C-alpha cells in the first residue's frame, strides 16, 4: 500500500471520527459515553467498513 493510500485512509478515519464526536456533542452525550469507555475510533472503523459494503455485526442483544 502506498503512503498516499495510507494517508487518505487515515484522513477518512479521522473525518468519520470527528463527525461521530460532533454528533455525540450535539446530542450532549459525549461526556457520558466517554465515561463508559466508548471508543469513537472503533465506531468509525465499523462505519467505514459498512460504507465499503462489508457486513458489520452489531454487538447488541438480538430479538428485542
N, C-alpha and C. Protein backbone atom coordinates (compact mmCIF):
# COMPACT_ATOMS: atom_id res chain seq x y z
N UNK A 1 0.85 -1.17 0.00
CA UNK A 1 0.00 0.00 0.00
C UNK A 1 0.89 1.23 0.00
N UNK A 2 0.55 2.20 -0.80
CA UNK A 2 1.38 3.40 -0.90
C UNK A 2 1.13 4.33 0.28
N UNK A 3 2.07 5.25 0.46
CA UNK A 3 1.94 6.23 1.53
C UNK A 3 0.72 7.12 1.33
N UNK A 4 0.41 7.45 0.06
CA UNK A 4 -0.75 8.30 -0.20
C UNK A 4 -2.05 7.56 0.12
N UNK A 5 -2.10 6.25 -0.15
CA UNK A 5 -3.28 5.46 0.19
C UNK A 5 -3.44 5.39 1.70
N UNK A 6 -2.35 5.18 2.40
CA UNK A 6 -2.39 5.13 3.85
C UNK A 6 -2.81 6.48 4.42
N UNK A 7 -2.28 7.55 3.88
CA UNK A 7 -2.63 8.89 4.34
C UNK A 7 -4.10 9.19 4.07
N UNK A 8 -4.61 8.76 2.92
CA UNK A 8 -6.01 9.03 2.62
C UNK A 8 -6.94 8.19 3.50
N UNK A 9 -6.54 6.96 3.80
CA UNK A 9 -7.34 6.13 4.71
C UNK A 9 -7.35 6.72 6.11
N UNK A 10 -6.22 7.21 6.56
CA UNK A 10 -6.15 7.84 7.88
C UNK A 10 -6.99 9.11 7.91
N UNK A 11 -6.93 9.88 6.84
CA UNK A 11 -7.74 11.11 6.76
C UNK A 11 -9.23 10.77 6.79
N UNK A 12 -9.61 9.71 6.09
CA UNK A 12 -11.02 9.27 6.10
C UNK A 12 -11.44 8.85 7.50
N UNK A 13 -10.59 8.08 8.16
CA UNK A 13 -10.88 7.63 9.52
C UNK A 13 -11.05 8.82 10.46
N UNK A 14 -10.16 9.79 10.35
CA UNK A 14 -10.24 10.96 11.23
C UNK A 14 -11.49 11.78 10.94
N UNK A 15 -11.85 11.92 9.67
CA UNK A 15 -13.05 12.69 9.31
C UNK A 15 -14.30 12.03 9.87
N UNK A 16 -14.40 10.71 9.74
CA UNK A 16 -15.56 9.99 10.27
C UNK A 16 -15.59 10.07 11.79
N UNK A 17 -14.43 9.91 12.43
CA UNK A 17 -14.35 10.02 13.89
C UNK A 17 -14.80 11.39 14.36
N UNK A 18 -14.33 12.43 13.69
CA UNK A 18 -14.73 13.79 14.05
C UNK A 18 -16.24 13.99 13.91
N UNK A 19 -16.83 13.40 12.87
CA UNK A 19 -18.28 13.51 12.68
C UNK A 19 -19.04 12.80 13.79
N UNK A 20 -18.54 11.64 14.22
CA UNK A 20 -19.18 10.91 15.31
C UNK A 20 -19.11 11.72 16.59
N UNK A 21 -17.95 12.24 16.91
CA UNK A 21 -17.78 13.04 18.13
C UNK A 21 -18.65 14.29 18.07
N UNK A 22 -18.71 14.94 16.92
CA UNK A 22 -19.54 16.14 16.78
C UNK A 22 -21.01 15.81 17.02
N UNK A 23 -21.46 14.68 16.51
CA UNK A 23 -22.86 14.28 16.72
C UNK A 23 -23.13 13.96 18.18
N UNK A 24 -22.19 13.28 18.84
CA UNK A 24 -22.36 12.99 20.27
C UNK A 24 -22.38 14.28 21.08
N UNK A 25 -21.56 15.23 20.70
CA UNK A 25 -21.56 16.53 21.39
C UNK A 25 -22.86 17.28 21.13
N UNK A 26 -23.37 17.20 19.90
CA UNK A 26 -24.63 17.86 19.57
C UNK A 26 -25.77 17.31 20.42
N UNK A 27 -25.73 16.00 20.65
CA UNK A 27 -26.75 15.36 21.47
C UNK A 27 -26.46 15.48 22.96
N UNK A 28 -25.33 16.11 23.30
CA UNK A 28 -24.90 16.34 24.68
C UNK A 28 -24.71 15.04 25.47
N UNK A 29 -24.19 14.03 24.78
CA UNK A 29 -23.92 12.75 25.45
C UNK A 29 -22.45 12.35 25.35
N UNK A 30 -21.61 13.21 24.78
CA UNK A 30 -20.21 12.86 24.56
C UNK A 30 -19.50 12.51 25.86
N UNK A 31 -19.69 13.32 26.90
CA UNK A 31 -19.02 13.06 28.17
C UNK A 31 -19.51 11.76 28.80
N UNK A 32 -20.82 11.53 28.73
CA UNK A 32 -21.39 10.32 29.33
C UNK A 32 -20.86 9.06 28.66
N UNK A 33 -20.84 9.04 27.33
CA UNK A 33 -20.35 7.83 26.66
C UNK A 33 -18.84 7.68 26.81
N UNK A 34 -18.12 8.80 26.91
CA UNK A 34 -16.68 8.72 27.16
C UNK A 34 -16.41 8.11 28.53
N UNK A 35 -17.23 8.47 29.52
CA UNK A 35 -17.08 7.90 30.86
C UNK A 35 -17.34 6.40 30.87
N UNK A 36 -18.14 5.93 29.91
CA UNK A 36 -18.44 4.50 29.81
C UNK A 36 -17.40 3.74 28.98
N UNK A 37 -16.39 4.46 28.49
CA UNK A 37 -15.32 3.81 27.73
C UNK A 37 -15.57 3.70 26.24
N UNK A 38 -16.53 4.48 25.73
CA UNK A 38 -16.83 4.46 24.30
C UNK A 38 -15.61 4.89 23.49
N UNK A 39 -15.33 4.15 22.42
CA UNK A 39 -14.20 4.45 21.54
C UNK A 39 -14.73 4.88 20.18
N UNK A 40 -14.72 6.18 19.89
CA UNK A 40 -15.26 6.63 18.59
C UNK A 40 -14.45 6.12 17.40
N UNK A 41 -13.18 5.80 17.60
CA UNK A 41 -12.37 5.26 16.51
C UNK A 41 -12.88 3.89 16.09
N UNK A 42 -13.28 3.07 17.06
CA UNK A 42 -13.82 1.74 16.75
C UNK A 42 -15.10 1.87 15.94
N UNK A 43 -15.97 2.79 16.36
CA UNK A 43 -17.21 3.01 15.62
C UNK A 43 -16.91 3.54 14.22
N UNK A 44 -15.96 4.44 14.10
CA UNK A 44 -15.60 4.99 12.79
C UNK A 44 -15.11 3.89 11.86
N UNK A 45 -14.31 2.97 12.37
CA UNK A 45 -13.83 1.86 11.54
C UNK A 45 -15.01 1.01 11.05
N UNK A 46 -15.99 0.76 11.93
CA UNK A 46 -17.16 -0.02 11.55
C UNK A 46 -18.00 0.72 10.51
N UNK A 47 -18.13 2.02 10.67
CA UNK A 47 -18.89 2.84 9.71
C UNK A 47 -18.22 2.78 8.34
N UNK A 48 -16.91 2.89 8.31
CA UNK A 48 -16.18 2.85 7.04
C UNK A 48 -16.32 1.48 6.40
N UNK A 49 -16.19 0.42 7.19
CA UNK A 49 -16.36 -0.93 6.64
C UNK A 49 -17.75 -1.10 6.05
N UNK A 50 -18.77 -0.63 6.77
CA UNK A 50 -20.14 -0.74 6.28
C UNK A 50 -20.33 0.08 5.00
N UNK A 51 -19.76 1.27 4.96
CA UNK A 51 -19.86 2.11 3.76
C UNK A 51 -19.18 1.46 2.57
N UNK A 52 -18.15 0.67 2.84
CA UNK A 52 -17.44 -0.03 1.77
C UNK A 52 -18.13 -1.33 1.36
N UNK A 53 -19.26 -1.66 2.01
CA UNK A 53 -20.03 -2.83 1.63
C UNK A 53 -19.80 -4.07 2.47
N UNK A 54 -18.98 -3.98 3.50
CA UNK A 54 -18.76 -5.13 4.38
C UNK A 54 -19.92 -5.27 5.36
N UNK A 55 -20.20 -6.50 5.76
CA UNK A 55 -21.20 -6.74 6.79
C UNK A 55 -20.52 -6.53 8.14
N UNK A 56 -21.12 -5.67 8.96
CA UNK A 56 -20.55 -5.35 10.26
C UNK A 56 -21.52 -5.83 11.33
N UNK A 57 -21.14 -6.85 12.11
CA UNK A 57 -22.04 -7.34 13.15
C UNK A 57 -22.26 -6.30 14.23
N UNK A 58 -23.48 -6.23 14.72
CA UNK A 58 -23.83 -5.30 15.80
C UNK A 58 -23.78 -6.06 17.11
N UNK A 59 -22.92 -5.65 18.06
CA UNK A 59 -22.75 -6.42 19.30
C UNK A 59 -23.80 -6.11 20.36
N UNK A 60 -25.06 -6.11 19.98
CA UNK A 60 -26.13 -5.83 20.93
C UNK A 60 -27.03 -7.04 21.09
N UNK A 61 -28.02 -6.93 21.97
CA UNK A 61 -28.96 -8.04 22.16
C UNK A 61 -29.77 -8.29 20.89
N UNK A 62 -30.06 -9.52 20.62
CA UNK A 62 -30.83 -9.90 19.43
C UNK A 62 -32.27 -10.21 19.81
N UNK A 63 -33.17 -9.93 18.89
CA UNK A 63 -34.57 -10.33 19.07
C UNK A 63 -35.36 -9.47 20.04
N UNK A 64 -34.90 -8.27 20.32
CA UNK A 64 -35.65 -7.40 21.24
C UNK A 64 -36.20 -6.22 20.52
